[in-house]
Amino acid sequence: MKFDSFNAKPQGQSASALSLEDWDKPERTPEISHVPSSQRELTGHDIANLHPKEFRNVSLGLELYAPGNWRETKNSRSLQLHDMATGTKLKAKGFARQDVSIEKWVGMRLPMVTKEMPEMTQVTKPVAIRGENWGSRVQGIVAEYQGRLPGEDEDSHLLICCLRTDSMLISVTISAPAAVFAQNRAVYNWIFSRCDIGMAFPVLPAAAHKSGARTSTGTGTSSASSSTRNPSAPHTYDYVEIGNLASGMRLLNLAMLIFAGMVWSVQHFHMRGMQAAVMVFPFLALVAVMSAYGLIRMYRGSGWGRPFKVIVGILAFTPFVNILAILAINLRASSILRTQGYKIGLLGCKEAIPESNHDMSNVILLTVVLILAEIGYASYTNNHLSSAPETAMTEFSPAGQHFSINMPGKPVEQQLAAPPEVRNNHTYLAGSGKLQYAITYFDIADEPAEPLPFLEGIRDGIVSDLKAIIIEDKTLTREGKKGLSLKMTGKGSLKHMQLFIAGKTVYILEATAPVKEDSSDKIVAFMDSFHFK
């Protein structure tokens, strides 16, 4: 391969670091010059036994063949292959750059190697290489480095190739332990001989995508809309479609996580009525918008048929079956992305999403704003709306009962479910300010021989039902009757309780207060006002 106008010292290089003179006339015949693909040229290697596979990155326009068992990962800017058995790694990165000479590209790339890996020493002069189908479209220069990287037990060998077309600059690096590299050099030569750079398909503006443009100059048409495309041929995915599919998948998965967090919050904090509606509606709206937009994105990039899109779209917003529909969409999208060589994580495939996409940051920002607004609303309602006015305590003694207690205002009886063995069950509630008071009494069939163990059983059941944590537990005696005194915490509040039994009747006193009201004298006065008649 001949090059015109070589510079002795390209930009950024010193003569001692790199010489660009006579690259096509090296001192010794380069081991990578023109390497035919025929397996007969590869001493000790039978390419057919390696089951070669084509690997592509359409956003770079890069196509190459490598052993089929090499693992692939890629994104819009790179392609990486890894041979787990030998430790061989291939990394290809590139970017669009118009009319940059191969000399200048090498002068830009090789100093980066020295800066990033100072342990590596250049062991060959840069030489020109020729690919099978390059012609005058593609130019390539290769250099080799060797050294011991930090944390490694043996030397590594690097083969760095700078590839250039009129519109793209690509760097391909093959690295392996030195012994492995020497043994497989012919395979690496063959990989470079078969690589090629075609038309790259970068991310396009929305208007260009809608109009069908696919080339960097905007003059091409989409393969999906081309009149020459065979309708029965398998759908091929370009980078724009993959980006839509991956970003839509992430939006859909984020929506499901937010919805799950919302359901958990409602249950955990026991939201009811208007409070639940005000707290939940903004997040429901966010989830609905994210789901709809995510589905639209996935439809644009999936290449799925219209019947499948319509059916899944209806099911995705149908209660009870929408989870299954979304799972089916995710599985199908994951299958497409995996066949393109991408790895799937919890929120989808980050590597396939273009850098220009800001869905994740926008959703996180909006969610934080909503959470802060909800916290402000909850604080306001807690301080202004949920607190009943202070009410004077008066004596309360239901007709026919043998007790009295001071409670605010006129207590309201609540109809609560009770176990079958409980009779004459009654609960009265009253509120004053931020404190809530209650007294429950019921009859049992037989008077227990040991009151305290019986009351401890009731205590354990209450703690289990409330999922509370006991922070104080002691016994007490009132007017000759044994009892228990408890203090529990849970769900942002404190609950004070006293339990007594007199004959066959059980009494349970409760005072619920915010944490800061823990030592309120009103709670002490409420508990002390209970007397037997």
Protein backbone atom coordinates (compact mmCIF):
# COMPACT_ATOMS: atom_id res chain seq x y z
CA MET A 1 0.00 0.00 0.00
CA LYS A 2 1.45 3.37 -1.03
CA PHE A 3 0.83 6.64 0.77
CA ASP A 4 1.40 10.14 -0.50
CA SER A 5 2.96 13.06 1.36
CA PHE A 6 4.36 11.32 4.41
CA ASN A 7 5.44 13.67 7.18
CA ALA A 8 8.63 12.86 9.01
CA LYS A 9 7.24 14.28 12.22
CA PRO A 10 3.45 14.24 12.45
CA GLN A 11 1.75 16.53 14.89
CA GLY A 12 2.31 15.55 18.51
CA GLN A 13 5.30 13.25 17.84
CA SER A 14 9.02 13.49 18.29
CA ALA A 15 11.49 11.84 15.95
CA SER A 16 12.72 9.54 18.69
CA ALA A 17 9.21 8.41 19.58
CA LEU A 18 7.88 7.72 16.13
CA SER A 19 9.21 7.82 12.59
CA LEU A 20 6.81 7.80 9.68
CA GLU A 21 9.42 7.40 6.98
CA ASP A 22 9.07 4.52 4.53
CA TRP A 23 6.23 2.73 6.26
CA ASP A 24 5.66 0.68 3.19
CA LYS A 25 9.37 -0.28 3.16
CA PRO A 26 10.10 -1.66 6.65
CA GLU A 27 13.52 -2.92 7.64
CA ARG A 28 12.16 -6.45 7.79
CA THR A 29 9.15 -7.95 6.15
CA PRO A 30 6.28 -7.12 8.52
CA GLU A 31 4.36 -10.02 9.88
CA ILE A 32 1.21 -8.11 9.05
CA SER A 33 1.47 -6.86 5.49
CA HIS A 34 -1.01 -8.49 3.15
CA VAL A 35 -2.57 -11.54 4.77
CA PRO A 36 -4.82 -13.73 2.61
CA SER A 37 -7.85 -15.23 4.28
CA SER A 38 -7.04 -18.73 3.14
CA GLN A 39 -6.53 -21.02 6.10
CA ARG A 40 -3.62 -22.61 4.21
CA GLU A 41 -1.58 -19.49 4.97
CA LEU A 42 -2.00 -19.91 8.74
CA THR A 43 0.65 -22.27 10.03
CA GLY A 44 -0.66 -24.37 12.92
CA HIS A 45 -4.18 -22.92 12.77
CA ASP A 46 -7.26 -24.13 10.97
CA ILE A 47 -9.67 -21.20 10.79
CA ALA A 48 -12.63 -23.50 10.13
CA ASN A 49 -12.10 -25.12 13.55
CA LEU A 50 -12.41 -21.69 15.16
CA HIS A 51 -15.96 -21.37 13.78
CA PRO A 52 -15.42 -17.72 12.75
CA LYS A 53 -18.30 -15.33 13.23
CA GLU A 54 -18.97 -11.85 11.90
CA PHE A 55 -19.04 -9.07 14.47
CA ARG A 56 -20.35 -5.62 13.59
CA ASN A 57 -20.82 -2.16 14.99
CA VAL A 58 -23.08 -0.29 12.61
CA SER A 59 -22.50 3.10 14.25
CA LEU A 60 -18.80 2.77 13.40
CA GLY A 61 -19.35 0.93 10.13
CA LEU A 62 -16.88 -1.69 11.38
CA GLU A 63 -17.15 -5.33 10.32
CA LEU A 64 -14.71 -8.06 11.30
CA TYR A 65 -14.47 -11.82 11.71
CA ALA A 66 -13.16 -13.54 14.84
CA PRO A 67 -13.47 -16.97 16.52
CA GLY A 68 -17.11 -17.65 17.29
CA ASN A 69 -16.56 -18.35 21.00
CA TRP A 70 -15.27 -14.84 21.69
CA ARG A 71 -17.69 -12.83 23.81
CA GLU A 72 -18.96 -9.54 22.43
CA THR A 73 -19.97 -6.29 24.11
CA LYS A 74 -20.54 -3.02 22.31
CA ASN A 75 -22.12 0.39 22.41
CA SER A 76 -22.44 3.32 20.05
CA ARG A 77 -18.73 4.10 20.27
CA SER A 78 -16.95 0.77 20.65
CA LEU A 79 -16.84 -2.96 20.01
CA GLN A 80 -15.09 -5.34 22.41
CA LEU A 81 -14.36 -9.06 22.06
CA HIS A 82 -12.93 -11.30 24.78
CA ASP A 83 -11.56 -14.82 24.56
CA MET A 84 -12.01 -16.18 28.09
CA ALA A 85 -9.82 -19.23 27.42
CA THR A 86 -6.64 -17.36 26.37
CA GLY A 87 -7.18 -13.89 27.81
CA THR A 88 -7.12 -12.30 24.37
CA LYS A 89 -9.01 -9.02 24.12
CA LEU A 90 -9.96 -6.99 21.06
CA LYS A 91 -11.11 -3.40 21.52
CA ALA A 92 -12.26 -1.18 18.68
CA LYS A 93 -13.15 2.49 19.14
CA GLY A 94 -13.81 5.18 16.61
CA PHE A 95 -15.37 8.47 15.74
CA ALA A 96 -16.43 10.42 12.68
CA ARG A 97 -13.79 12.80 11.36
CA GLN A 98 -13.66 14.12 7.84
CA ASP A 99 -10.49 13.98 5.74
CA VAL A 100 -7.87 13.28 8.43
CA SER A 101 -4.76 11.67 6.99
CA ILE A 102 -3.56 8.29 8.21
CA GLU A 103 -0.28 9.88 9.29
CA LYS A 104 -2.06 12.39 11.50
CA TRP A 105 -4.34 9.69 12.96
CA VAL A 106 -1.33 7.55 13.93
CA GLY A 107 0.36 10.64 15.36
CA MET A 108 -2.72 11.18 17.52
CA ARG A 109 -3.30 7.58 18.62
CA LEU A 110 0.12 6.15 19.49
CA PRO A 111 1.09 8.85 22.02
CA MET A 112 -2.11 8.00 23.88
CA VAL A 113 -0.84 4.43 24.31
CA THR A 114 2.42 5.67 25.83
CA LYS A 115 0.52 8.03 28.13
CA GLU A 116 -2.12 5.52 29.25
CA MET A 117 0.26 2.53 29.58
CA PRO A 118 3.78 3.81 30.31
CA GLU A 119 4.83 0.24 31.16
CA MET A 120 4.44 -0.79 27.51
CA THR A 121 7.37 -0.34 25.12
CA GLN A 122 7.02 -0.08 21.34
CA VAL A 123 8.79 -3.11 19.85
CA THR A 124 8.18 -2.63 16.10
CA LYS A 125 8.17 0.33 13.76
CA PRO A 126 4.71 1.25 12.45
CA VAL A 127 4.01 -0.55 9.21
CA ALA A 128 1.26 -0.42 6.61
CA ILE A 129 -1.23 -3.27 6.32
CA ARG A 130 -3.67 -4.23 3.61
CA GLY A 131 -7.09 -5.79 4.07
CA GLU A 132 -8.65 -8.07 1.50
CA ASN A 133 -11.35 -5.65 0.36
CA TRP A 134 -9.96 -2.28 1.30
CA GLY A 135 -8.78 -1.02 -2.05
CA SER A 136 -8.27 2.70 -1.70
CA ARG A 137 -11.18 3.14 0.73
CA VAL A 138 -9.37 2.07 3.89
CA GLN A 139 -5.83 2.72 5.06
CA GLY A 140 -4.21 1.01 8.02
CA ILE A 141 -1.02 1.34 10.07
CA VAL A 142 -0.09 -1.13 12.79
CA ALA A 143 2.40 -0.97 15.68
CA GLU A 144 3.27 -3.42 18.46
CA TYR A 145 3.98 -2.91 22.15
CA GLN A 146 5.12 -5.22 24.92
CA GLY A 147 5.50 -4.85 28.68
CA ARG A 148 4.17 -5.90 32.05
CA LEU A 149 1.06 -4.09 33.22
CA PRO A 150 0.47 -3.37 36.93
CA GLY A 151 -0.90 -6.39 38.78
CA GLU A 152 0.07 -8.83 36.01
CA ASP A 153 2.41 -11.81 36.48
CA GLU A 154 3.62 -11.94 32.88
CA ASP A 155 4.26 -9.65 29.95
CA SER A 156 1.45 -8.59 27.66
CA HIS A 157 1.70 -7.93 23.94
CA LEU A 158 -0.39 -5.29 22.15
CA LEU A 159 -1.12 -4.98 18.46
CA ILE A 160 -2.56 -1.54 17.74
CA CYS A 161 -4.00 -0.76 14.34
CA CYS A 162 -5.11 2.70 13.20
CA LEU A 163 -7.71 2.49 10.41
CA ARG A 164 -8.87 5.45 8.40
CA THR A 165 -11.47 6.26 5.75
CA ASP A 166 -12.51 9.63 4.40
CA SER A 167 -15.09 9.99 7.17
CA MET A 168 -14.09 7.62 10.02
CA LEU A 169 -11.08 7.07 12.27
CA ILE A 170 -10.99 3.70 14.08
CA SER A 171 -8.46 2.18 16.46
CA VAL A 172 -8.40 -1.62 16.87
CA THR A 173 -6.26 -3.09 19.65
CA ILE A 174 -5.57 -6.79 20.21
CA SER A 175 -3.92 -7.65 23.54
CA ALA A 176 -2.91 -10.98 25.03
CA PRO A 177 -0.25 -12.52 27.28
CA ALA A 178 3.01 -12.52 25.33
CA ALA A 179 3.17 -16.32 25.03
CA VAL A 180 -0.43 -16.50 23.83
CA PHE A 181 0.17 -13.70 21.38
CA ALA A 182 3.16 -15.45 19.82
CA GLN A 183 1.21 -18.68 19.46
CA ASN A 184 -1.85 -17.01 17.90
CA ARG A 185 -0.25 -14.25 15.84
CA ALA A 186 -1.45 -15.83 12.60
CA VAL A 187 -5.05 -15.74 13.84
CA TYR A 188 -4.73 -12.06 14.75
CA ASN A 189 -3.24 -11.35 11.32
CA TRP A 190 -6.21 -13.10 9.73
CA ILE A 191 -8.66 -11.00 11.80
CA PHE A 192 -7.13 -7.78 10.48
CA SER A 193 -7.07 -9.07 6.92
CA ARG A 194 -10.84 -9.67 7.03
CA CYS A 195 -11.92 -6.50 8.83
CA ASP A 196 -13.55 -3.73 6.85
CA ILE A 197 -15.08 -0.29 7.34
CA GLY A 198 -18.29 0.44 5.51
CA MET A 199 -20.96 3.09 5.87
CA ALA A 200 -21.47 4.20 9.48
CA PHE A 201 -24.96 4.91 10.81
CA PRO A 202 -24.63 7.49 13.60
CA VAL A 203 -27.50 8.77 15.76
CA LEU A 204 -29.68 11.10 13.71
CA PRO A 205 -31.90 14.03 14.74
CA ALA A 206 -35.56 13.15 15.11
CA ALA A 207 -36.50 15.00 11.93
CA ALA A 208 -33.91 13.15 9.88
CA HIS A 209 -35.02 9.83 11.31
CA LYS A 210 -38.66 10.51 10.45
CA SER A 211 -37.73 11.50 6.93
CA GLY A 212 -35.88 8.23 6.42
CA ALA A 213 -32.31 9.60 6.40
CA ARG A 214 -29.62 7.16 7.37
CA THR A 215 -26.31 8.45 6.10
CA SER A 216 -24.15 11.04 7.77
CA THR A 217 -24.82 13.38 4.87
CA GLY A 218 -28.58 12.88 5.05
CA THR A 219 -28.89 11.66 1.47
CA GLY A 220 -29.57 7.99 2.14
CA THR A 221 -32.89 6.29 2.82
CA SER A 222 -33.81 3.89 5.54
CA SER A 223 -33.35 0.24 4.77
CA ALA A 224 -36.72 -0.40 6.37
CA SER A 225 -38.44 1.84 3.83
CA SER A 226 -36.34 0.99 0.82
CA SER A 227 -38.34 -0.17 -2.17
CA THR A 228 -35.70 -2.77 -2.96
CA ARG A 229 -35.97 -4.53 0.38
CA ASN A 230 -37.29 -8.07 0.35
CA PRO A 231 -40.37 -8.14 2.65
CA SER A 232 -39.66 -11.73 3.63
CA ALA A 233 -36.06 -11.03 4.64
CA PRO A 234 -35.21 -10.91 8.38
CA HIS A 235 -35.28 -7.42 9.84
CA THR A 236 -31.83 -5.87 10.28
CA TYR A 237 -31.44 -3.32 13.06
CA ASP A 238 -29.48 -0.11 12.65
CA TYR A 239 -28.13 1.96 15.52
CA VAL A 240 -31.14 4.30 15.61
CA GLU A 241 -33.53 1.36 16.04
CA ILE A 242 -31.33 -0.25 18.70
CA GLY A 243 -31.15 3.07 20.58
CA ASN A 244 -34.94 3.43 20.52
CA LEU A 245 -35.43 -0.15 21.67
CA ALA A 246 -32.96 0.16 24.56
CA SER A 247 -34.17 3.58 25.76
CA GLY A 248 -37.83 2.49 25.57
CA MET A 249 -37.01 -0.64 27.53
CA ARG A 250 -35.33 1.43 30.25
CA LEU A 251 -38.28 3.83 30.48
CA LEU A 252 -40.68 0.91 30.84
CA ASN A 253 -38.59 -0.78 33.54
CA LEU A 254 -38.16 2.50 35.44
CA ALA A 255 -41.92 3.00 35.34
CA MET A 256 -42.46 -0.44 36.86
CA LEU A 257 -39.94 0.24 39.65
CA ILE A 258 -41.60 3.56 40.49
CA PHE A 259 -45.02 1.88 40.50
CA ALA A 260 -43.77 -0.88 42.84
CA GLY A 261 -42.27 1.76 45.17
CA MET A 262 -45.56 3.66 45.17
CA VAL A 263 -47.59 0.54 46.09
CA TRP A 264 -45.13 -0.29 48.87
CA SER A 265 -45.35 3.25 50.27
CA VAL A 266 -49.15 3.20 50.35
CA GLN A 267 -49.18 -0.09 52.24
CA HIS A 268 -46.26 0.70 54.54
CA PHE A 269 -47.58 4.11 55.62
CA HIS A 270 -51.23 3.00 55.67
CA MET A 271 -52.43 5.79 53.39
CA ARG A 272 -56.17 6.05 53.06
CA GLY A 273 -58.81 8.21 51.39
CA MET A 274 -57.89 11.67 50.16
CA GLN A 275 -54.37 11.48 51.55
CA ALA A 276 -53.65 8.37 49.46
CA ALA A 277 -55.19 9.96 46.37
CA VAL A 278 -53.14 13.17 46.65
CA MET A 279 -49.92 11.25 47.35
CA VAL A 280 -50.38 8.62 44.66
CA PHE A 281 -51.88 10.50 41.70
CA PRO A 282 -48.71 12.38 40.61
CA PHE A 283 -46.71 9.15 40.55
CA LEU A 284 -49.47 7.31 38.70
CA ALA A 285 -49.41 10.05 36.05
CA LEU A 286 -45.61 9.79 35.81
CA VAL A 287 -45.77 6.00 35.46
CA ALA A 288 -48.46 6.22 32.76
CA VAL A 289 -46.52 8.77 30.68
CA MET A 290 -43.25 6.85 31.03
CA SER A 291 -44.93 3.57 30.06
CA ALA A 292 -46.64 5.06 27.01
CA TYR A 293 -43.52 6.83 25.81
CA GLY A 294 -41.39 3.73 26.48
CA LEU A 295 -43.74 1.57 24.42
CA ILE A 296 -43.67 4.05 21.54
CA ARG A 297 -39.87 4.06 21.60
CA MET A 298 -39.74 0.26 21.62
CA TYR A 299 -42.22 0.06 18.75
CA ARG A 300 -40.06 2.41 16.68
CA GLY A 301 -36.98 0.30 17.19
CA SER A 302 -38.36 -3.22 17.32
CA GLY A 303 -39.32 -4.05 13.76
CA TRP A 304 -42.33 -5.91 15.18
CA GLY A 305 -45.48 -6.41 13.13
CA ARG A 306 -48.51 -4.16 13.61
CA PRO A 307 -50.79 -6.90 15.07
CA PHE A 308 -48.25 -7.62 17.83
CA LYS A 309 -47.91 -3.91 18.61
CA VAL A 310 -51.67 -3.37 18.84
CA ILE A 311 -52.31 -6.43 21.03
CA VAL A 312 -49.44 -5.75 23.42
CA GLY A 313 -50.30 -2.04 23.59
CA ILE A 314 -53.86 -2.84 24.70
CA LEU A 315 -52.74 -5.47 27.20
CA ALA A 316 -50.04 -3.19 28.65
CA PHE A 317 -52.73 -0.82 29.96
CA THR A 318 -55.22 -3.50 31.01
CA PRO A 319 -55.30 -4.10 34.78
CA PHE A 320 -54.04 -7.45 36.10
CA VAL A 321 -52.63 -8.61 32.73
CA ASN A 322 -50.39 -5.60 32.10
CA ILE A 323 -47.53 -7.12 34.11
CA LEU A 324 -47.50 -10.17 31.83
CA ALA A 325 -47.68 -7.97 28.72
CA ILE A 326 -44.76 -5.82 29.83
CA LEU A 327 -42.77 -8.94 30.74
CA ALA A 328 -43.39 -10.31 27.23
CA ILE A 329 -42.23 -7.02 25.68
CA ASN A 330 -39.08 -7.01 27.80
CA LEU A 331 -38.23 -10.59 26.95
CA ARG A 332 -38.60 -9.95 23.23
CA ALA A 333 -36.58 -6.71 23.37
CA SER A 334 -33.88 -8.42 25.44
CA SER A 335 -33.64 -11.19 22.86
CA ILE A 336 -33.10 -8.65 20.06
CA LEU A 337 -30.45 -6.74 22.01
CA ARG A 338 -28.60 -9.91 22.96
CA THR A 339 -28.47 -11.05 19.35
CA GLN A 340 -26.84 -7.70 18.58
CA GLY A 341 -24.17 -8.42 21.20
CA TYR A 342 -25.39 -6.21 24.06
CA LYS A 343 -25.59 -7.13 27.74
CA ILE A 344 -28.88 -6.65 29.60
CA GLY A 345 -28.98 -5.20 33.11
CA LEU A 346 -31.71 -4.41 35.63
CA LEU A 347 -32.93 -1.35 33.72
CA GLY A 348 -32.19 -2.67 30.27
CA CYS A 349 -29.13 -2.07 28.10
CA LYS A 350 -27.27 1.11 29.02
CA GLU A 351 -24.54 0.62 26.39
CA ALA A 352 -27.02 0.71 23.51
CA ILE A 353 -28.51 4.07 24.55
CA PRO A 354 -27.01 7.10 22.77
CA GLU A 355 -25.20 9.71 24.84
CA SER A 356 -27.69 12.32 23.63
CA ASN A 357 -30.50 10.50 25.48
CA HIS A 358 -31.24 12.05 28.87
CA ASP A 359 -34.30 9.99 29.88
CA MET A 360 -32.67 8.61 33.02
CA SER A 361 -31.57 11.98 34.39
CA ASN A 362 -34.93 13.57 33.54
CA VAL A 363 -36.91 10.81 35.24
CA ILE A 364 -34.70 10.90 38.33
CA LEU A 365 -35.01 14.70 38.52
CA LEU A 366 -38.80 14.60 38.14
CA THR A 367 -39.11 11.81 40.71
CA VAL A 368 -37.01 13.76 43.23
CA VAL A 369 -39.17 16.84 42.66
CA LEU A 370 -42.34 14.80 43.22
CA ILE A 371 -40.95 13.18 46.38
CA LEU A 372 -39.96 16.57 47.81
CA ALA A 373 -43.40 17.95 46.98
CA GLU A 374 -45.07 14.96 48.65
CA ILE A 375 -42.88 15.36 51.74
CA GLY A 376 -43.87 19.02 51.92
CA TYR A 377 -47.54 18.11 51.57
CA ALA A 378 -47.30 15.40 54.23
CA SER A 379 -45.54 17.80 56.59
CA TYR A 380 -48.21 20.43 56.02
CA THR A 381 -51.09 18.04 56.62
CA ASN A 382 -49.38 16.64 59.69
CA ASN A 383 -48.94 20.10 61.21
CA HIS A 384 -52.16 21.78 60.07
CA LEU A 385 -54.80 19.44 58.75
CA SER A 386 -54.48 16.17 60.62
CA SER A 387 -54.41 17.66 64.11
CA ALA A 388 -57.80 17.92 65.74
CA PRO A 389 -58.34 20.95 68.00
CA GLU A 390 -57.47 20.57 71.65
CA THR A 391 -60.50 19.27 73.56
CA ALA A 392 -61.06 19.20 77.31
CA MET A 393 -60.89 15.80 79.00
CA THR A 394 -64.12 14.60 80.62
CA GLU A 395 -65.04 11.43 82.44
CA PHE A 396 -66.28 8.61 80.21
CA SER A 397 -68.10 5.56 81.61
CA PRO A 398 -70.35 3.54 79.27
CA ALA A 399 -73.69 2.49 80.72
CA GLY A 400 -73.59 -0.86 82.48
CA GLN A 401 -69.78 -0.99 82.63
CA HIS A 402 -67.60 -1.05 85.75
CA PHE A 403 -64.87 1.45 84.81
CA SER A 404 -64.33 5.14 84.15
CA ILE A 405 -61.64 7.04 82.24
CA ASN A 406 -61.07 10.62 81.15
CA MET A 407 -61.22 11.12 77.34
CA PRO A 408 -61.51 14.26 75.18
CA GLY A 409 -64.93 15.28 73.92
CA LYS A 410 -67.41 12.53 73.13
CA PRO A 411 -65.69 9.24 72.20
CA VAL A 412 -66.94 7.46 69.07
CA GLU A 413 -67.45 3.72 69.10
CA GLN A 414 -65.72 1.76 66.30
CA GLN A 415 -67.11 -1.52 65.01
CA LEU A 416 -64.05 -3.77 64.80
CA ALA A 417 -63.80 -7.48 64.06
CA ALA A 418 -63.07 -9.74 67.03
CA PRO A 419 -62.15 -13.42 67.48
CA PRO A 420 -65.05 -15.88 67.99
CA GLU A 421 -64.10 -16.50 71.63
CA VAL A 422 -64.48 -12.81 72.46
CA ARG A 423 -67.85 -11.45 73.56
CA ASN A 424 -69.21 -7.97 74.26
CA ASN A 425 -66.34 -6.34 72.30
CA HIS A 426 -66.29 -2.50 72.26
CA THR A 427 -63.73 0.10 71.17
CA TYR A 428 -64.09 3.86 71.70
CA LEU A 429 -61.85 6.47 70.02
CA ALA A 430 -61.29 10.19 70.63
CA GLY A 431 -58.71 12.70 69.43
CA SER A 432 -57.30 15.92 70.81
CA GLY A 433 -54.58 17.84 69.00
CA LYS A 434 -51.99 15.38 67.71
CA LEU A 435 -52.90 12.67 70.22
CA GLN A 436 -55.33 9.83 69.63
CA TYR A 437 -56.94 7.97 72.57
CA ALA A 438 -58.75 4.63 72.66
CA ILE A 439 -60.16 2.16 75.13
CA THR A 440 -61.17 -1.37 74.24
CA TYR A 441 -62.93 -3.85 76.55
CA PHE A 442 -64.31 -7.33 75.95
CA ASP A 443 -65.37 -10.43 77.87
CA ILE A 444 -63.86 -13.91 77.74
CA ALA A 445 -65.48 -17.24 78.59
CA ASP A 446 -63.45 -18.09 81.71
CA GLU A 447 -61.41 -16.06 84.15
CA PRO A 448 -57.70 -17.05 83.76
CA ALA A 449 -55.98 -18.52 86.81
CA GLU A 450 -52.83 -16.46 86.07
CA PRO A 451 -53.67 -12.94 84.81
CA LEU A 452 -50.17 -11.86 83.75
CA PRO A 453 -49.38 -14.76 81.37
CA PHE A 454 -52.82 -14.27 79.80
CA LEU A 455 -52.19 -10.54 79.27
CA GLU A 456 -48.71 -11.27 77.88
CA GLY A 457 -50.33 -13.45 75.22
CA ILE A 458 -52.60 -10.57 74.22
CA ARG A 459 -49.59 -8.22 74.19
CA ASP A 460 -47.61 -10.50 71.88
CA GLY A 461 -50.53 -10.71 69.45
CA ILE A 462 -50.88 -6.91 69.32
CA VAL A 463 -47.14 -6.39 68.72
CA SER A 464 -47.16 -8.99 65.94
CA ASP A 465 -50.17 -7.47 64.21
CA LEU A 466 -48.75 -3.94 64.35
CA LYS A 467 -45.22 -5.07 63.46
CA ALA A 468 -44.07 -2.77 66.23
CA ILE A 469 -40.93 -2.67 68.37
CA ILE A 470 -41.32 -2.69 72.17
CA ILE A 471 -39.15 -0.07 73.84
CA GLU A 472 -40.67 -0.37 77.32
CA ASP A 473 -42.48 -3.29 78.98
CA LYS A 474 -43.32 -3.52 82.68
CA THR A 475 -45.98 -4.79 85.08
CA LEU A 476 -48.20 -2.63 87.27
CA THR A 477 -51.04 -2.96 89.76
CA ARG A 478 -54.10 -0.75 89.89
CA GLU A 479 -56.69 -1.09 92.63
CA GLY A 480 -55.58 -4.65 93.25
CA LYS A 481 -55.69 -5.68 89.57
CA LYS A 482 -52.54 -6.89 87.78
CA GLY A 483 -51.66 -5.29 84.48
CA LEU A 484 -49.00 -4.54 81.84
CA SER A 485 -47.65 -1.19 80.66
CA LEU A 486 -46.09 -0.98 77.16
CA LYS A 487 -44.45 1.57 74.95
CA MET A 488 -44.03 0.65 71.24
CA THR A 489 -42.71 2.39 68.18
CA GLY A 490 -43.56 1.86 64.53
CA LYS A 491 -44.47 3.78 61.34
CA GLY A 492 -43.24 7.11 62.72
CA SER A 493 -45.34 7.17 65.89
CA LEU A 494 -45.34 5.98 69.50
CA LYS A 495 -48.07 3.91 71.08
CA HIS A 496 -48.56 3.73 74.85
CA MET A 497 -50.71 0.85 76.11
CA GLN A 498 -51.95 -0.55 79.41
CA LEU A 499 -53.69 -3.94 79.71
CA PHE A 500 -55.79 -5.08 82.69
CA ILE A 501 -58.11 -7.96 83.47
CA ALA A 502 -60.86 -7.85 86.07
CA GLY A 503 -62.71 -11.13 86.41
CA LYS A 504 -63.68 -12.11 82.83
CA THR A 505 -63.30 -8.59 81.34
CA VAL A 506 -60.14 -7.39 79.57
CA TYR A 507 -59.35 -3.66 79.30
CA ILE A 508 -56.85 -2.18 76.79
CA LEU A 509 -55.93 1.52 77.01
CA GLU A 510 -54.13 3.14 74.05
CA ALA A 511 -52.59 6.56 73.40
CA THR A 512 -50.92 7.18 70.03
CA ALA A 513 -48.66 10.20 69.55
CA PRO A 514 -45.91 11.53 67.27
CA VAL A 515 -42.40 10.68 68.40
CA LYS A 516 -41.77 14.20 69.72
CA GLU A 517 -44.80 13.85 72.06
CA ASP A 518 -43.26 10.86 73.83
CA SER A 519 -43.16 12.45 77.27
CA SER A 520 -46.47 14.30 77.06
CA ASP A 521 -48.15 14.81 80.42
CA LYS A 522 -51.50 14.33 78.67
CA ILE A 523 -50.72 10.67 78.01
CA VAL A 524 -49.80 10.11 81.65
CA ALA A 525 -53.01 11.82 82.80
CA PHE A 526 -55.08 9.69 80.41
CA MET A 527 -53.60 6.43 81.69
CA ASP A 528 -53.83 7.44 85.35
CA SER A 529 -57.51 8.43 85.00
CA PHE A 530 -58.60 4.78 84.48
CA HIS A 531 -60.41 3.34 87.54
CA PHE A 532 -62.49 0.29 88.34
CA LYS A 533 -65.93 0.75 89.87
